[in-house]
Amino acid sequence: MAEPIQAITLPLAQNPQQEGEWLRATLHQWLDQEFIPEAVNHQIADRAAQVFVRQRMEGENDLGSLVMAIVTEMQAFDFSESFFSEFAVANAVSDLLLDSLGIDRCCGQG
């Protein structure tokens, strides 16, 4: 029987605003590079970073829960002018955070 995937816990937030600024800039860059730079990418990155910061300030450290919060709250965002969706954004945030922690996205190993 396959072993369940272990939860990934982020370190306690020392400076959620700084983390959010890093995420906003990094996600914006990723969005621009993934397809083409679009004006809406700035708004997408801002909104995702706001959700992330709020979750971190509320003490959320579980990566899965952070991703679900971003998916849920980004559903209200108008993606009609974008190539992306709330799922693509949340997955990108997850990948960027895993990369920043040095965790292999493929297999969840450091």
Protein backbone atom coordinates (compact mmCIF):
# COMPACT_ATOMS: atom_id res chain seq x y z
CA MET A 1 0.00 0.00 0.00
CA ALA A 2 1.28 3.46 -0.88
CA GLU A 3 2.30 5.75 1.94
CA PRO A 4 0.30 8.97 2.29
CA ILE A 5 2.05 12.17 1.34
CA GLN A 6 3.18 14.00 4.44
CA ALA A 7 1.97 17.53 5.04
CA ILE A 8 4.42 20.30 4.32
CA THR A 9 4.63 22.88 7.06
CA LEU A 10 6.18 26.28 6.44
CA PRO A 11 8.41 27.78 9.11
CA LEU A 12 6.61 30.12 11.50
CA ALA A 13 6.06 33.51 9.89
CA GLN A 14 8.63 35.99 11.19
CA ASN A 15 7.55 38.79 8.87
CA PRO A 16 4.36 37.96 6.92
CA GLN A 17 4.40 41.29 5.06
CA GLN A 18 7.92 40.62 3.77
CA GLU A 19 6.92 37.07 2.77
CA GLY A 20 3.90 38.51 0.96
CA GLU A 21 6.02 41.03 -0.91
CA TRP A 22 8.41 38.26 -1.98
CA LEU A 23 5.46 36.13 -3.11
CA ARG A 24 3.83 39.03 -4.98
CA ALA A 25 7.01 39.84 -6.91
CA THR A 26 7.95 36.22 -7.57
CA LEU A 27 4.45 35.20 -8.63
CA HIS A 28 4.14 38.25 -10.89
CA GLN A 29 7.41 37.33 -12.57
CA TRP A 30 6.27 33.70 -12.97
CA LEU A 31 2.92 34.77 -14.47
CA ASP A 32 4.67 37.06 -16.97
CA GLN A 33 7.12 34.35 -17.99
CA GLU A 34 4.64 31.47 -18.20
CA PHE A 35 2.69 32.94 -21.16
CA ILE A 36 3.00 36.63 -22.00
CA PRO A 37 3.16 39.67 -19.75
CA GLU A 38 -0.37 40.96 -19.14
CA ALA A 39 -1.52 43.93 -17.08
CA VAL A 40 -3.86 41.66 -15.11
CA ASN A 41 -0.90 39.62 -13.84
CA HIS A 42 -0.07 42.41 -11.40
CA GLN A 43 -3.59 42.26 -9.96
CA ILE A 44 -3.50 38.47 -9.73
CA ALA A 45 -0.18 38.51 -7.88
CA ASP A 46 -1.39 41.25 -5.53
CA ARG A 47 -4.57 39.36 -4.64
CA ALA A 48 -2.82 36.02 -4.10
CA ALA A 49 -0.20 37.71 -1.90
CA GLN A 50 -2.94 39.41 0.16
CA VAL A 51 -4.62 36.07 0.84
CA PHE A 52 -1.28 34.49 1.68
CA VAL A 53 -0.30 37.26 4.12
CA ARG A 54 -3.65 37.17 5.88
CA GLN A 55 -3.46 33.39 6.26
CA ARG A 56 0.09 33.58 7.59
CA MET A 57 -0.86 36.34 10.05
CA GLU A 58 -3.67 34.09 11.29
CA GLY A 59 -1.06 31.41 12.01
CA GLU A 60 -1.54 29.13 9.01
CA ASN A 61 1.65 27.21 8.24
CA ASP A 62 0.29 24.17 6.38
CA LEU A 63 1.05 24.47 2.67
CA GLY A 64 -2.05 22.51 1.64
CA SER A 65 -4.31 24.78 3.67
CA LEU A 66 -2.64 27.88 2.22
CA VAL A 67 -3.16 26.58 -1.31
CA MET A 68 -6.83 25.81 -0.60
CA ALA A 69 -7.35 29.30 0.84
CA ILE A 70 -5.86 30.85 -2.30
CA VAL A 71 -8.02 28.68 -4.59
CA THR A 72 -11.15 29.52 -2.60
CA GLU A 73 -10.57 33.26 -2.40
CA MET A 74 -9.31 33.62 -5.96
CA GLN A 75 -12.60 32.15 -7.24
CA ALA A 76 -14.06 35.63 -6.81
CA PHE A 77 -11.33 37.14 -9.03
CA ASP A 78 -12.25 37.92 -12.66
CA PHE A 79 -9.85 35.84 -14.76
CA SER A 80 -11.60 36.72 -18.05
CA GLU A 81 -8.60 38.79 -19.20
CA SER A 82 -6.05 36.17 -18.22
CA PHE A 83 -4.71 32.83 -19.40
CA PHE A 84 -4.75 31.67 -15.77
CA SER A 85 -7.31 30.40 -13.28
CA GLU A 86 -7.47 30.23 -9.50
CA PHE A 87 -6.10 26.68 -9.68
CA ALA A 88 -3.11 27.65 -11.81
CA VAL A 89 -2.32 30.53 -9.45
CA ALA A 90 -2.59 28.40 -6.31
CA ASN A 91 -0.43 25.67 -7.87
CA ALA A 92 2.16 28.26 -8.87
CA VAL A 93 2.22 29.64 -5.32
CA SER A 94 2.75 26.11 -4.01
CA ASP A 95 5.59 25.47 -6.46
CA LEU A 96 7.26 28.80 -5.67
CA LEU A 97 7.08 28.14 -1.93
CA LEU A 98 8.42 24.61 -2.33
CA ASP A 99 11.28 25.93 -4.46
CA SER A 100 12.07 28.55 -1.81
CA LEU A 101 12.26 25.82 0.83
CA GLY A 102 14.47 23.60 -1.35
CA ILE A 103 11.81 20.86 -1.57
CA ASP A 104 11.65 18.83 -4.78
CA ARG A 105 8.18 19.38 -6.24
CA CYS A 106 8.20 16.02 -7.94
CA CYS A 107 8.37 13.79 -4.94
CA GLY A 108 8.15 16.05 -1.90
CA GLN A 109 11.70 15.34 -0.85
CA GLY A 110 14.30 17.87 0.24
